[in-house]
Amino acid sequence: MFTVYSTIDSIIMNTDKPEAKGTWINMINPTGEEIELVTKATGIEFDFIKDVLDDDERPRIETEDNELLVIINVPIIQNATVIYETIPLGIIITKDHFVTVCLQEVDVLKDFLNGKVRGMSTSKKTRFLFQILYKSASLYLTLLREIEKKTNEIESGLHKSMKNKELIRLLNLQKSLVYFTTSLKSNEQVMEKLLRTKALEVYEEDQDLLEDVIIENKQAVEMAETYSNILSSMMTSFSSIISNNLNIVMKFLASITIILALPTMLASFFGMNVKIPLQTADHGFEIVVGMSVVLCVGGIAFLMNRKMF
């Protein structure tokens, strides 16, 4: 699927003319026929579009015949269990066109599609590129704050739980932070290369925007690394706590077993078919019960003295 947009007086509008100059073509998991149609209308290399549709494509910059391909990784929420991952977003810039390619719809482009980004223009391609990079870095920061909140919620639950459910949730968040950290560092290399490349004409008024993007991305990298270290330490600590809680429970159960075994052993002696003391006593049963109680109390006192109960 692909949609063509154009801005008129800062208002983004749909158009059905992909060949028109100054348009933005947004491609979402396009078919081979759609790619052929766009390449014929814009003159873009077929491989430029096809490469982005590889889920494992790494962030990079490539130029070919005055065409610039910029691939970055943008964050997505993968499924209902809230695992954050990243996906390649390709941005192709030619003299007359601005094309974005992705395997699925991403939140990074939603504000542009809804006309909520101030100063956005499909004809100002350099600024449009930097705005997308800035929006991507900002989204990473937003999701990192969400991960921090979820981590705090899980931490509160772990104080009261001995189950693996919370640890598995922490593991998913840690995996997300690994994805984020790797992608943010790769994006940072792309942004720094944009400062040096001659394939993209960077206007003076857009220079500050690119620097802001790099600063925002660096902040996201630092946050992701910090949260990842905290999460790793937390998982190790809580794994030890859960294991220790289990040991305490097992020790308690073992102590109860020992205490209950004492009157059982005494009752077994008096249940033998041999002549034993108190066999003919009038209050033999009460005496045996009393002895059992004494043994239990003595066993509890002994275990408590050894700090085993």
Protein backbone atom coordinates (compact mmCIF):
# COMPACT_ATOMS: atom_id res chain seq x y z
CA MET A 1 0.00 0.00 0.00
CA PHE A 2 1.21 3.51 -0.69
CA THR A 3 -0.32 6.97 -0.29
CA VAL A 4 0.79 10.26 -1.82
CA TYR A 5 0.69 13.52 0.13
CA SER A 6 1.42 17.14 -0.59
CA THR A 7 1.40 20.22 1.63
CA ILE A 8 -0.49 23.32 0.50
CA ASP A 9 -0.26 26.35 2.82
CA SER A 10 1.12 24.08 5.59
CA ILE A 11 -1.90 21.75 5.26
CA ILE A 12 -1.17 18.16 4.28
CA MET A 13 -3.48 16.73 1.64
CA ASN A 14 -3.83 13.47 -0.26
CA THR A 15 -3.09 13.40 -3.96
CA ASP A 16 -3.17 10.68 -6.60
CA LYS A 17 -0.16 11.96 -8.52
CA PRO A 18 3.01 10.21 -7.35
CA GLU A 19 4.91 11.71 -10.27
CA ALA A 20 4.20 15.28 -9.11
CA LYS A 21 7.13 17.26 -7.74
CA GLY A 22 7.35 18.06 -4.04
CA THR A 23 5.18 15.12 -2.94
CA TRP A 24 5.62 12.67 -0.10
CA ILE A 25 5.01 9.01 -0.96
CA ASN A 26 4.40 6.87 2.12
CA MET A 27 4.76 3.15 1.38
CA ILE A 28 3.57 0.53 3.90
CA ASN A 29 4.66 -3.05 3.10
CA PRO A 30 4.25 -2.45 -0.65
CA THR A 31 3.78 -5.22 -3.18
CA GLY A 32 6.10 -5.74 -6.14
CA GLU A 33 3.58 -4.06 -8.44
CA GLU A 34 3.34 -1.01 -6.18
CA ILE A 35 7.12 -0.73 -6.03
CA GLU A 36 7.28 -0.87 -9.84
CA LEU A 37 4.65 1.85 -10.06
CA VAL A 38 6.50 4.17 -7.68
CA THR A 39 9.91 3.58 -9.28
CA LYS A 40 8.50 4.43 -12.73
CA ALA A 41 6.83 7.58 -11.39
CA THR A 42 9.86 8.82 -9.45
CA GLY A 43 12.87 7.18 -11.09
CA ILE A 44 14.02 5.74 -7.75
CA GLU A 45 16.17 2.60 -7.79
CA PHE A 46 14.08 -0.54 -7.21
CA ASP A 47 16.63 -1.92 -4.73
CA PHE A 48 16.41 1.25 -2.61
CA ILE A 49 12.82 0.37 -1.77
CA LYS A 50 13.30 -3.40 -1.67
CA ASP A 51 16.21 -3.22 0.80
CA VAL A 52 14.13 -1.45 3.43
CA LEU A 53 11.61 -4.31 3.44
CA ASP A 54 14.22 -6.58 5.03
CA ASP A 55 13.35 -6.76 8.73
CA ASP A 56 17.05 -7.13 9.62
CA GLU A 57 18.28 -4.19 7.53
CA ARG A 58 20.70 -2.06 9.54
CA PRO A 59 20.65 1.77 9.71
CA ARG A 60 22.84 3.27 7.02
CA ILE A 61 23.17 5.93 4.32
CA GLU A 62 23.54 5.16 0.63
CA THR A 63 23.64 7.39 -2.43
CA GLU A 64 23.05 6.52 -6.07
CA ASP A 65 22.58 8.92 -9.01
CA ASN A 66 21.59 11.92 -6.87
CA GLU A 67 19.28 9.74 -4.78
CA LEU A 68 19.80 9.50 -1.04
CA LEU A 69 18.67 6.50 1.01
CA VAL A 70 18.57 6.89 4.79
CA ILE A 71 17.58 3.87 6.87
CA ILE A 72 16.93 4.25 10.59
CA ASN A 73 15.36 1.99 13.20
CA VAL A 74 12.15 3.25 14.79
CA PRO A 75 10.41 1.79 17.88
CA ILE A 76 7.21 -0.26 17.77
CA ILE A 77 5.08 -2.14 20.32
CA GLN A 78 5.18 -5.70 19.10
CA ASN A 79 2.28 -7.46 20.85
CA ALA A 80 -0.20 -7.55 23.73
CA THR A 81 2.52 -8.52 26.22
CA VAL A 82 4.11 -5.14 25.54
CA ILE A 83 7.45 -6.10 24.10
CA TYR A 84 9.09 -3.07 22.52
CA GLU A 85 11.08 -3.72 19.36
CA THR A 86 12.46 -1.74 16.45
CA ILE A 87 11.84 -1.86 12.72
CA PRO A 88 13.66 -0.31 9.74
CA LEU A 89 12.22 2.88 8.27
CA GLY A 90 13.63 3.89 4.90
CA ILE A 91 13.67 7.52 3.74
CA ILE A 92 14.50 8.13 0.08
CA ILE A 93 15.20 11.67 -1.09
CA THR A 94 15.45 12.70 -4.72
CA LYS A 95 15.42 16.09 -6.38
CA ASP A 96 11.63 16.03 -6.71
CA HIS A 97 10.33 13.39 -4.28
CA PHE A 98 10.36 12.31 -0.67
CA VAL A 99 9.57 8.64 -0.07
CA THR A 100 9.19 6.71 3.19
CA VAL A 101 9.12 2.90 3.22
CA CYS A 102 8.30 0.60 6.13
CA LEU A 103 6.97 -2.90 6.73
CA GLN A 104 4.11 -1.59 8.87
CA GLU A 105 2.54 1.63 10.08
CA VAL A 106 4.69 3.32 12.71
CA ASP A 107 3.91 5.94 15.32
CA VAL A 108 6.82 8.11 14.16
CA LEU A 109 4.88 9.21 11.06
CA LYS A 110 1.41 9.57 12.62
CA ASP A 111 1.77 13.23 13.61
CA PHE A 112 2.99 14.07 10.10
CA LEU A 113 0.04 12.27 8.54
CA ASN A 114 -2.35 14.12 10.87
CA GLY A 115 -0.77 17.50 10.16
CA LYS A 116 0.33 18.02 13.78
CA VAL A 117 3.97 18.88 13.07
CA ARG A 118 4.63 22.61 12.87
CA GLY A 119 6.59 23.82 9.87
CA MET A 120 6.26 20.52 8.02
CA SER A 121 6.41 20.74 4.23
CA THR A 122 6.74 17.88 1.75
CA SER A 123 8.76 20.13 -0.56
CA LYS A 124 11.37 20.99 2.11
CA LYS A 125 12.92 17.57 2.03
CA THR A 126 15.97 18.18 4.24
CA ARG A 127 13.90 19.68 7.04
CA PHE A 128 11.30 16.91 6.64
CA LEU A 129 14.05 14.30 7.09
CA PHE A 130 15.39 15.98 10.23
CA GLN A 131 11.86 16.31 11.63
CA ILE A 132 11.33 12.57 11.22
CA LEU A 133 14.66 11.86 12.94
CA TYR A 134 13.70 14.20 15.80
CA LYS A 135 10.27 12.59 16.15
CA SER A 136 11.92 9.15 16.24
CA ALA A 137 14.33 10.17 19.03
CA SER A 138 11.46 11.75 20.99
CA LEU A 139 9.39 8.58 20.66
CA TYR A 140 12.28 6.51 22.00
CA LEU A 141 12.41 8.80 25.06
CA THR A 142 8.66 8.49 25.59
CA LEU A 143 8.76 4.68 25.44
CA LEU A 144 11.79 4.58 27.72
CA ARG A 145 9.80 6.48 30.35
CA GLU A 146 6.98 3.95 29.90
CA ILE A 147 9.47 1.13 30.45
CA GLU A 148 10.65 2.84 33.65
CA LYS A 149 7.05 3.03 34.95
CA LYS A 150 6.41 -0.62 34.11
CA THR A 151 9.65 -1.59 35.83
CA ASN A 152 8.56 0.19 39.02
CA GLU A 153 5.17 -1.56 38.89
CA ILE A 154 6.80 -4.96 38.46
CA GLU A 155 9.25 -4.20 41.27
CA SER A 156 6.34 -3.55 43.66
CA GLY A 157 4.79 -6.89 42.67
CA LEU A 158 8.05 -8.76 43.15
CA HIS A 159 8.21 -7.73 46.81
CA LYS A 160 5.08 -9.81 47.41
CA SER A 161 5.56 -12.65 44.93
CA MET A 162 7.64 -15.80 44.55
CA LYS A 163 6.43 -16.57 41.04
CA ASN A 164 8.30 -16.26 37.74
CA LYS A 165 5.66 -14.10 36.02
CA GLU A 166 7.17 -10.79 37.12
CA LEU A 167 10.70 -11.93 36.25
CA ILE A 168 9.55 -12.89 32.76
CA ARG A 169 8.02 -9.42 32.34
CA LEU A 170 11.32 -7.89 33.45
CA LEU A 171 13.14 -10.09 30.96
CA ASN A 172 10.89 -8.82 28.15
CA LEU A 173 11.60 -5.23 29.15
CA GLN A 174 15.32 -5.94 29.27
CA LYS A 175 15.16 -7.38 25.75
CA SER A 176 13.36 -4.23 24.64
CA LEU A 177 16.11 -2.07 26.13
CA VAL A 178 18.74 -4.08 24.25
CA TYR A 179 16.84 -3.48 20.98
CA PHE A 180 16.54 0.22 21.80
CA THR A 181 20.18 0.67 22.76
CA THR A 182 21.47 -1.07 19.64
CA SER A 183 19.12 0.83 17.33
CA LEU A 184 19.78 4.22 18.95
CA LYS A 185 23.53 3.82 18.59
CA SER A 186 23.14 2.84 14.94
CA ASN A 187 20.84 5.81 14.35
CA GLU A 188 23.40 8.07 16.00
CA GLN A 189 26.03 6.99 13.48
CA VAL A 190 23.60 7.77 10.64
CA MET A 191 22.90 11.25 12.04
CA GLU A 192 26.57 12.06 12.49
CA LYS A 193 27.23 10.90 8.94
CA LEU A 194 24.48 13.24 7.71
CA LEU A 195 26.51 16.12 9.13
CA ARG A 196 29.45 15.14 6.95
CA THR A 197 27.77 13.90 3.79
CA LYS A 198 27.68 16.07 0.69
CA ALA A 199 24.81 14.14 -0.83
CA LEU A 200 22.33 16.08 1.32
CA GLU A 201 22.16 19.85 1.15
CA VAL A 202 21.86 21.04 4.74
CA TYR A 203 20.52 24.57 4.96
CA GLU A 204 21.66 26.91 7.69
CA GLU A 205 18.22 27.11 9.29
CA ASP A 206 18.10 23.29 9.49
CA GLN A 207 21.57 22.88 11.01
CA ASP A 208 20.30 23.58 14.54
CA LEU A 209 17.50 21.06 14.07
CA LEU A 210 19.96 18.31 13.16
CA GLU A 211 22.11 19.14 16.18
CA ASP A 212 19.00 18.98 18.38
CA VAL A 213 18.23 15.57 16.88
CA ILE A 214 21.72 14.29 17.74
CA ILE A 215 21.45 15.62 21.31
CA GLU A 216 18.00 14.04 21.74
CA ASN A 217 19.28 10.73 20.41
CA LYS A 218 22.32 10.78 22.72
CA GLN A 219 20.01 11.38 25.67
CA ALA A 220 17.90 8.40 24.61
CA VAL A 221 21.04 6.21 24.37
CA GLU A 222 22.11 7.20 27.88
CA MET A 223 18.65 6.55 29.29
CA ALA A 224 18.41 3.14 27.59
CA GLU A 225 21.83 2.09 28.91
CA THR A 226 21.02 3.32 32.43
CA TYR A 227 17.65 1.52 32.54
CA SER A 228 19.23 -1.61 31.10
CA ASN A 229 21.89 -1.68 33.85
CA ILE A 230 19.26 -1.07 36.54
CA LEU A 231 17.02 -3.77 35.13
CA SER A 232 19.86 -6.27 34.94
CA SER A 233 20.83 -5.64 38.57
CA MET A 234 17.19 -5.82 39.64
CA MET A 235 16.65 -9.19 37.94
CA THR A 236 19.74 -10.63 39.63
CA SER A 237 18.68 -9.29 43.02
CA PHE A 238 15.10 -10.49 42.81
CA SER A 239 16.15 -13.89 41.53
CA SER A 240 18.23 -14.23 44.69
CA ILE A 241 15.34 -12.96 46.83
CA ILE A 242 12.89 -15.45 45.30
CA SER A 243 15.38 -18.26 45.79
CA ASN A 244 15.94 -17.18 49.40
CA ASN A 245 12.18 -17.01 50.06
CA LEU A 246 11.84 -20.53 48.71
CA ASN A 247 14.62 -21.73 51.01
CA ILE A 248 12.84 -20.16 53.98
CA VAL A 249 9.61 -21.94 53.10
CA MET A 250 11.40 -25.26 52.65
CA LYS A 251 13.17 -24.82 56.00
CA PHE A 252 9.85 -24.06 57.71
CA LEU A 253 8.20 -27.12 56.17
CA ALA A 254 11.13 -29.31 57.19
CA SER A 255 10.86 -28.01 60.78
CA ILE A 256 7.11 -28.77 60.87
CA THR A 257 7.82 -32.28 59.59
CA ILE A 258 10.38 -32.89 62.36
CA ILE A 259 8.02 -31.62 65.06
CA LEU A 260 5.10 -33.75 63.84
CA ALA A 261 7.38 -36.80 63.66
CA LEU A 262 8.09 -36.68 67.42
CA PRO A 263 4.55 -37.53 68.69
CA THR A 264 4.16 -39.97 65.82
CA MET A 265 7.27 -41.81 66.96
CA LEU A 266 6.03 -41.87 70.58
CA ALA A 267 2.61 -43.15 69.52
CA SER A 268 4.31 -45.87 67.51
CA PHE A 269 6.18 -47.11 70.59
CA PHE A 270 2.98 -47.39 72.63
CA GLY A 271 1.18 -49.07 69.76
CA MET A 272 3.53 -52.10 69.80
CA ASN A 273 2.13 -55.51 70.82
CA VAL A 274 4.62 -55.89 73.67
CA LYS A 275 4.51 -55.08 77.34
CA ILE A 276 5.45 -51.44 77.86
CA PRO A 277 5.22 -48.93 80.73
CA LEU A 278 1.86 -47.28 81.42
CA GLN A 279 0.08 -50.03 79.49
CA THR A 280 -2.29 -50.70 82.39
CA ALA A 281 -2.30 -47.24 83.93
CA ASP A 282 -5.69 -45.57 84.47
CA HIS A 283 -4.57 -42.34 82.80
CA GLY A 284 -2.15 -43.84 80.29
CA PHE A 285 -3.66 -42.05 77.30
CA GLU A 286 -3.50 -38.63 78.95
CA ILE A 287 0.07 -39.27 80.01
CA VAL A 288 1.12 -40.26 76.47
CA VAL A 289 -0.60 -37.18 75.03
CA GLY A 290 1.15 -35.03 77.61
CA MET A 291 4.50 -36.57 76.72
CA SER A 292 3.79 -35.85 73.03
CA VAL A 293 3.03 -32.22 73.85
CA VAL A 294 6.23 -31.93 75.84
CA LEU A 295 8.25 -33.44 72.98
CA CYS A 296 6.68 -31.01 70.49
CA VAL A 297 7.36 -28.00 72.69
CA GLY A 298 10.90 -29.20 73.31
CA GLY A 299 11.43 -29.73 69.57
CA ILE A 300 10.14 -26.23 68.79
CA ALA A 301 12.39 -24.70 71.46
CA PHE A 302 15.40 -26.59 70.11
CA LEU A 303 14.75 -25.52 66.51
CA MET A 304 14.13 -21.92 67.53
CA ASN A 305 17.37 -21.91 69.49
CA ARG A 306 19.17 -23.07 66.35
CA LYS A 307 17.21 -20.45 64.33
CA MET A 308 15.71 -23.16 62.17
CA PHE A 309 12.08 -22.33 62.95
